[in-house]
């Protein structure tokens, strides 16, 4: 018997609707980003977002969840993450306590009959003892859900096989309980910092979006949105300086979040210009490695 396909209810009416609604959350998306989000929603396909750290990949998932009143379920990938952490595992400590409690209550043969063991096994491998992890949690939810699989490139290759299986059918088989199929397909976003190449099979399952650092105009708009009290002249200087820093050979380029932090820092200090003294005093807000600070100070010729 064929499994019923999970339902999909469109979240956005158009590309312009994506832009407008994301802007309400403070996320300013360009046309390309909004188009990718709209198509992922309308086609019911996962969206793979690739780009350097700090360009707003994770924040985009949060914004989509916020503007659609969806629950954000996040699987944070890392080296060594396994199926138990991604999918589900059994609460072994609770199972042992239940078995021990049953043994203490038993009469006659302490070890019990085959029938009593079958009953115990059915009991301890039930919903009460199942620990649902992000993938299974997202599949089982009946309300709107955004599933974020963050930093996919940090996970081992074996996890990609698991993702392929789950994202193909939106179903998970728990041997003791059977197959659990989504009744409502989650909106899925995968992010990658491109530290390694993801498999072609996984990429084929997804739509693809490359996010880079925003251009100067968009970054000024983001800064104005997040730090509206910052004078326009200082915002211009700040964004120009950030773009110079990103052109250097640094260990960690400053992210958009650090641009915003720098703006808030200048505002808190009551500075009315971003001169050499101000840059030198606050460079640690945007550059978190001493070698980067030394290189920036030399290239910016800060005395």
Protein backbone atom coordinates (compact mmCIF):
# COMPACT_ATOMS: atom_id res chain seq x y z
CA UNK A 1 0.00 0.00 0.00
CA UNK A 2 1.43 3.39 -1.02
CA UNK A 3 2.22 5.86 1.73
CA UNK A 4 0.29 9.13 1.63
CA UNK A 5 2.54 12.02 0.65
CA UNK A 6 2.93 14.76 3.26
CA UNK A 7 0.87 17.85 2.62
CA UNK A 8 2.47 21.15 1.68
CA UNK A 9 0.74 24.47 2.22
CA UNK A 10 2.48 27.41 0.47
CA UNK A 11 3.96 29.87 2.93
CA UNK A 12 4.53 32.75 0.49
CA UNK A 13 2.38 34.21 -2.28
CA UNK A 14 5.19 35.60 -4.43
CA UNK A 15 8.85 36.61 -4.48
CA UNK A 16 7.87 40.14 -3.48
CA UNK A 17 5.88 38.68 -0.60
CA UNK A 18 9.04 36.93 0.61
CA UNK A 19 11.01 40.19 0.48
CA UNK A 20 8.33 42.16 2.31
CA UNK A 21 7.67 39.61 5.04
CA UNK A 22 11.33 38.87 5.72
CA UNK A 23 11.94 42.63 5.99
CA UNK A 24 9.34 42.76 8.76
CA UNK A 25 11.59 40.49 10.82
CA UNK A 26 14.63 42.67 10.11
CA UNK A 27 16.10 40.38 7.44
CA UNK A 28 16.71 42.33 4.21
CA UNK A 29 16.82 39.82 1.36
CA UNK A 30 17.88 40.58 -2.20
CA UNK A 31 15.89 39.33 -5.20
CA UNK A 32 18.00 36.20 -5.65
CA UNK A 33 17.65 35.11 -2.04
CA UNK A 34 13.92 35.78 -2.02
CA UNK A 35 13.46 33.85 -5.27
CA UNK A 36 15.29 30.83 -3.85
CA UNK A 37 13.13 30.87 -0.70
CA UNK A 38 9.93 31.21 -2.75
CA UNK A 39 10.84 28.32 -5.05
CA UNK A 40 11.88 26.06 -2.16
CA UNK A 41 8.50 26.76 -0.57
CA UNK A 42 6.44 26.36 -3.74
CA UNK A 43 8.27 23.25 -5.03
CA UNK A 44 8.55 21.63 -1.60
CA UNK A 45 12.30 21.10 -1.99
CA UNK A 46 15.09 21.63 0.57
CA UNK A 47 17.19 24.76 0.08
CA UNK A 48 20.96 24.38 0.39
CA UNK A 49 22.60 27.70 1.28
CA UNK A 50 26.35 27.92 0.86
CA UNK A 51 28.69 30.78 1.66
CA UNK A 52 31.28 32.10 4.10
CA UNK A 53 30.54 32.31 7.81
CA UNK A 54 28.59 35.36 8.89
CA UNK A 55 26.60 36.17 5.75
CA UNK A 56 23.19 35.40 7.28
CA UNK A 57 22.56 31.77 6.35
CA UNK A 58 21.29 30.71 9.77
CA UNK A 59 19.53 34.03 10.28
CA UNK A 60 17.56 33.43 7.08
CA UNK A 61 16.12 30.22 8.57
CA UNK A 62 15.15 32.10 11.74
CA UNK A 63 13.51 34.84 9.69
CA UNK A 64 11.50 32.35 7.60
CA UNK A 65 10.31 30.63 10.78
CA UNK A 66 9.40 33.94 12.42
CA UNK A 67 7.48 35.38 9.49
CA UNK A 68 5.50 32.17 8.91
CA UNK A 69 4.77 31.51 12.60
CA UNK A 70 6.59 28.20 12.26
CA UNK A 71 8.60 26.31 14.86
CA UNK A 72 12.34 26.34 14.14
CA UNK A 73 13.88 22.88 14.66
CA UNK A 74 17.67 22.95 14.36
CA UNK A 75 20.15 20.15 13.80
CA UNK A 76 23.60 21.57 14.50
CA UNK A 77 26.12 19.45 12.63
CA UNK A 78 29.64 18.79 13.86
CA UNK A 79 32.34 16.21 13.37
CA UNK A 80 31.15 12.99 14.99
CA UNK A 81 27.42 13.76 15.05
CA UNK A 82 25.68 10.42 14.60
CA UNK A 83 22.25 9.00 13.84
CA UNK A 84 21.28 8.95 17.52
CA UNK A 85 21.91 12.69 17.83
CA UNK A 86 20.27 13.52 14.52
CA UNK A 87 17.30 11.15 14.43
CA UNK A 88 16.32 9.44 17.68
CA UNK A 89 17.57 7.26 20.50
CA UNK A 90 16.08 5.26 23.34
CA UNK A 91 16.15 6.44 26.93
CA UNK A 92 18.18 3.50 28.20
CA UNK A 93 18.31 4.65 31.82
CA UNK A 94 14.53 4.91 31.98
CA UNK A 95 14.14 1.55 30.25
CA UNK A 96 16.38 -0.13 32.85
CA UNK A 97 14.40 1.43 35.70
CA UNK A 98 11.15 0.17 34.19
CA UNK A 99 12.55 -3.36 33.75
CA UNK A 100 13.84 -3.37 37.33
CA UNK A 101 10.50 -2.12 38.63
CA UNK A 102 8.72 -4.91 36.75
CA UNK A 103 11.11 -7.52 38.15
CA UNK A 104 10.52 -6.30 41.71
CA UNK A 105 6.77 -6.62 41.26
CA UNK A 106 6.95 -10.07 39.70
CA UNK A 107 5.76 -13.09 41.64
CA UNK A 108 6.81 -16.71 41.24
CA UNK A 109 9.69 -17.04 38.81
CA UNK A 110 11.79 -13.88 39.23
CA UNK A 111 13.15 -14.15 35.72
CA UNK A 112 9.59 -14.30 34.38
CA UNK A 113 8.13 -16.25 31.52
CA UNK A 114 8.70 -15.65 27.84
CA UNK A 115 5.28 -14.01 27.74
CA UNK A 116 6.16 -11.55 30.51
CA UNK A 117 9.42 -10.62 28.76
CA UNK A 118 7.56 -9.99 25.51
CA UNK A 119 5.20 -7.69 27.40
CA UNK A 120 8.12 -5.90 29.06
CA UNK A 121 9.93 -5.49 25.75
CA UNK A 122 6.80 -4.02 24.13
CA UNK A 123 6.50 -1.67 27.08
CA UNK A 124 10.05 -0.32 27.15
CA UNK A 125 10.21 0.11 23.37
CA UNK A 126 7.19 2.41 23.30
CA UNK A 127 6.68 6.14 22.77
CA UNK A 128 7.29 6.83 26.46
CA UNK A 129 10.95 5.86 26.11
CA UNK A 130 11.68 7.39 22.69
CA UNK A 131 13.94 10.45 22.66
CA UNK A 132 13.13 12.35 19.48
CA UNK A 133 16.04 14.28 17.95
CA UNK A 134 15.76 17.14 15.40
CA UNK A 135 15.07 15.15 12.21
CA UNK A 136 12.36 12.98 13.74
CA UNK A 137 10.94 15.93 15.68
CA UNK A 138 10.49 17.94 12.47
CA UNK A 139 8.91 15.02 10.62
CA UNK A 140 6.39 14.32 13.39
CA UNK A 141 5.21 17.90 13.83
CA UNK A 142 1.77 18.68 12.41
CA UNK A 143 2.14 22.45 12.75
CA UNK A 144 4.27 24.64 10.42
CA UNK A 145 7.94 23.77 10.89
CA UNK A 146 11.24 25.07 9.57
CA UNK A 147 13.97 22.42 9.77
CA UNK A 148 17.45 23.94 9.80
CA UNK A 149 20.35 21.54 9.19
CA UNK A 150 23.17 23.89 10.11
CA UNK A 151 26.78 23.60 8.92
CA UNK A 152 26.13 20.37 7.04
CA UNK A 153 29.70 20.33 5.76
CA UNK A 154 31.00 19.74 9.30
CA UNK A 155 29.21 16.39 9.61
CA UNK A 156 30.70 13.08 8.46
CA UNK A 157 29.83 11.74 5.02
CA UNK A 158 27.69 9.00 6.61
CA UNK A 159 25.25 11.63 7.86
CA UNK A 160 24.67 12.73 4.27
CA UNK A 161 23.30 9.27 3.54
CA UNK A 162 20.88 9.64 6.43
CA UNK A 163 19.82 13.07 5.20
CA UNK A 164 19.23 11.69 1.70
CA UNK A 165 16.93 9.01 3.08
CA UNK A 166 14.99 11.36 5.32
CA UNK A 167 14.66 14.21 2.82
CA UNK A 168 13.57 11.90 0.00
CA UNK A 169 10.47 10.48 1.68
CA UNK A 170 10.14 12.60 4.83
CA UNK A 171 9.75 9.35 6.70
CA UNK A 172 11.71 7.60 9.43
CA UNK A 173 11.62 3.91 10.26
CA UNK A 174 11.94 3.02 13.93
CA UNK A 175 12.19 -0.81 13.89
CA UNK A 176 10.34 -1.19 17.19
CA UNK A 177 7.52 1.22 16.24
CA UNK A 178 7.31 1.09 12.44
CA UNK A 179 7.56 3.84 9.85
CA UNK A 180 6.75 7.39 10.91
CA UNK A 181 5.76 9.54 7.94
CA UNK A 182 5.35 13.30 7.92
CA UNK A 183 1.77 14.50 7.60
CA UNK A 184 3.00 18.03 6.94
CA UNK A 185 6.30 18.54 5.13
CA UNK A 186 8.68 20.91 6.94
CA UNK A 187 10.40 23.78 5.14
CA UNK A 188 14.01 22.56 5.04
CA UNK A 189 17.15 24.69 4.87
CA UNK A 190 20.67 23.26 4.89
CA UNK A 191 23.67 25.53 5.38
CA UNK A 192 27.30 24.98 4.46
CA UNK A 193 30.45 27.06 4.88
CA UNK A 194 31.99 25.04 2.02
CA UNK A 195 34.78 23.59 4.17
CA UNK A 196 34.29 20.38 2.18
CA UNK A 197 32.33 19.43 -0.91
CA UNK A 198 28.91 17.93 -0.25
CA UNK A 199 27.85 14.89 -2.26
CA UNK A 200 26.24 15.34 -5.64
CA UNK A 201 23.37 13.12 -4.52
CA UNK A 202 22.52 15.47 -1.66
CA UNK A 203 22.84 18.52 -3.90
CA UNK A 204 20.43 16.99 -6.42
CA UNK A 205 17.78 16.80 -3.71
CA UNK A 206 18.07 20.53 -3.04
CA UNK A 207 17.74 23.92 -4.62
CA UNK A 208 20.99 25.87 -4.30
CA UNK A 209 21.68 29.41 -3.10
CA UNK A 210 25.09 30.97 -2.70
CA UNK A 211 25.14 33.80 -0.17
CA UNK A 212 28.07 36.18 -0.13
CA UNK A 213 28.68 39.29 1.90
CA UNK A 214 26.17 41.99 0.88
CA UNK A 215 27.17 44.87 -1.33
CA UNK A 216 27.74 48.26 0.30
CA UNK A 217 24.23 49.55 -0.36
CA UNK A 218 22.50 46.51 1.14
CA UNK A 219 24.85 46.45 4.13
CA UNK A 220 24.08 50.12 4.84
CA UNK A 221 20.37 49.27 4.76
CA UNK A 222 20.90 46.34 7.13
CA UNK A 223 22.89 48.57 9.48
CA UNK A 224 20.21 51.26 9.36
CA UNK A 225 17.56 48.64 10.11
CA UNK A 226 19.39 47.16 13.10
CA UNK A 227 21.03 50.34 14.46
CA UNK A 228 18.68 53.13 13.36
CA UNK A 229 20.15 55.63 15.86
CA UNK A 230 23.58 55.50 14.19
CA UNK A 231 24.23 58.69 12.17
CA UNK A 232 24.29 58.09 8.43
CA UNK A 233 27.77 59.58 8.02
CA UNK A 234 29.30 57.15 10.56
CA UNK A 235 27.39 54.24 8.99
CA UNK A 236 28.96 55.14 5.62
CA UNK A 237 32.44 55.18 7.16
CA UNK A 238 31.84 51.93 9.00
CA UNK A 239 30.62 50.02 5.97
CA UNK A 240 33.50 51.36 3.86
CA UNK A 241 36.01 50.23 6.51
CA UNK A 242 34.39 46.79 6.81
CA UNK A 243 34.70 46.32 3.06
CA UNK A 244 38.40 47.21 3.23
CA UNK A 245 38.90 44.66 6.03
CA UNK A 246 37.15 41.96 3.99
CA UNK A 247 39.62 42.58 1.19
CA UNK A 248 42.53 41.60 3.43
CA UNK A 249 44.00 38.14 3.92
CA UNK A 250 42.53 37.55 7.36
CA UNK A 251 41.87 34.33 9.28
CA UNK A 252 38.26 35.38 9.90
CA UNK A 253 36.59 38.07 7.80
CA UNK A 254 34.14 40.29 9.69
CA UNK A 255 30.54 39.17 9.33
CA UNK A 256 27.39 41.24 8.93
CA UNK A 257 26.62 40.56 12.60
CA UNK A 258 29.98 42.13 13.49
CA UNK A 259 29.17 45.14 11.32
CA UNK A 260 26.04 45.60 13.42
CA UNK A 261 28.00 45.10 16.66
CA UNK A 262 30.51 47.72 15.55
CA UNK A 263 27.73 50.19 14.85
CA UNK A 264 26.25 49.60 18.31
CA UNK A 265 29.71 49.97 19.85
CA UNK A 266 30.32 53.36 18.22
CA UNK A 267 26.88 54.50 19.31
CA UNK A 268 27.47 53.36 22.90
CA UNK A 269 30.79 55.23 23.00
CA UNK A 270 29.17 58.38 21.66
CA UNK A 271 31.64 58.63 18.78
CA UNK A 272 30.74 60.95 15.94
CA UNK A 273 33.42 59.81 13.50
CA UNK A 274 35.34 56.65 12.68
CA UNK A 275 38.87 58.03 12.76
CA UNK A 276 42.10 56.10 13.37
CA UNK A 277 41.75 56.37 17.15
CA UNK A 278 38.20 55.01 17.07
CA UNK A 279 39.17 52.12 14.78
CA UNK A 280 42.17 51.22 16.94
CA UNK A 281 40.13 51.30 20.14
CA UNK A 282 37.26 49.17 18.81
CA UNK A 283 38.93 46.83 16.31
CA UNK A 284 38.43 43.88 18.68
CA UNK A 285 34.69 44.10 18.07
CA UNK A 286 35.09 42.95 14.47
CA UNK A 287 38.43 41.08 14.38
CA UNK A 288 38.76 38.26 16.91
CA UNK A 289 42.31 37.09 16.15
CA UNK A 290 45.40 39.03 17.23
CA UNK A 291 47.14 38.29 13.95
CA UNK A 292 44.15 39.77 12.08
CA UNK A 293 44.23 42.89 14.23
CA UNK A 294 47.97 43.31 13.64
CA UNK A 295 47.57 42.87 9.88
CA UNK A 296 44.65 45.30 9.76
CA UNK A 297 46.50 47.88 11.84
CA UNK A 298 49.49 47.67 9.51
CA UNK A 299 47.46 47.84 6.29
CA UNK A 300 45.25 50.64 7.61
CA UNK A 301 48.38 52.38 8.87
CA UNK A 302 47.03 52.87 12.37
CA UNK A 303 49.72 54.44 14.54
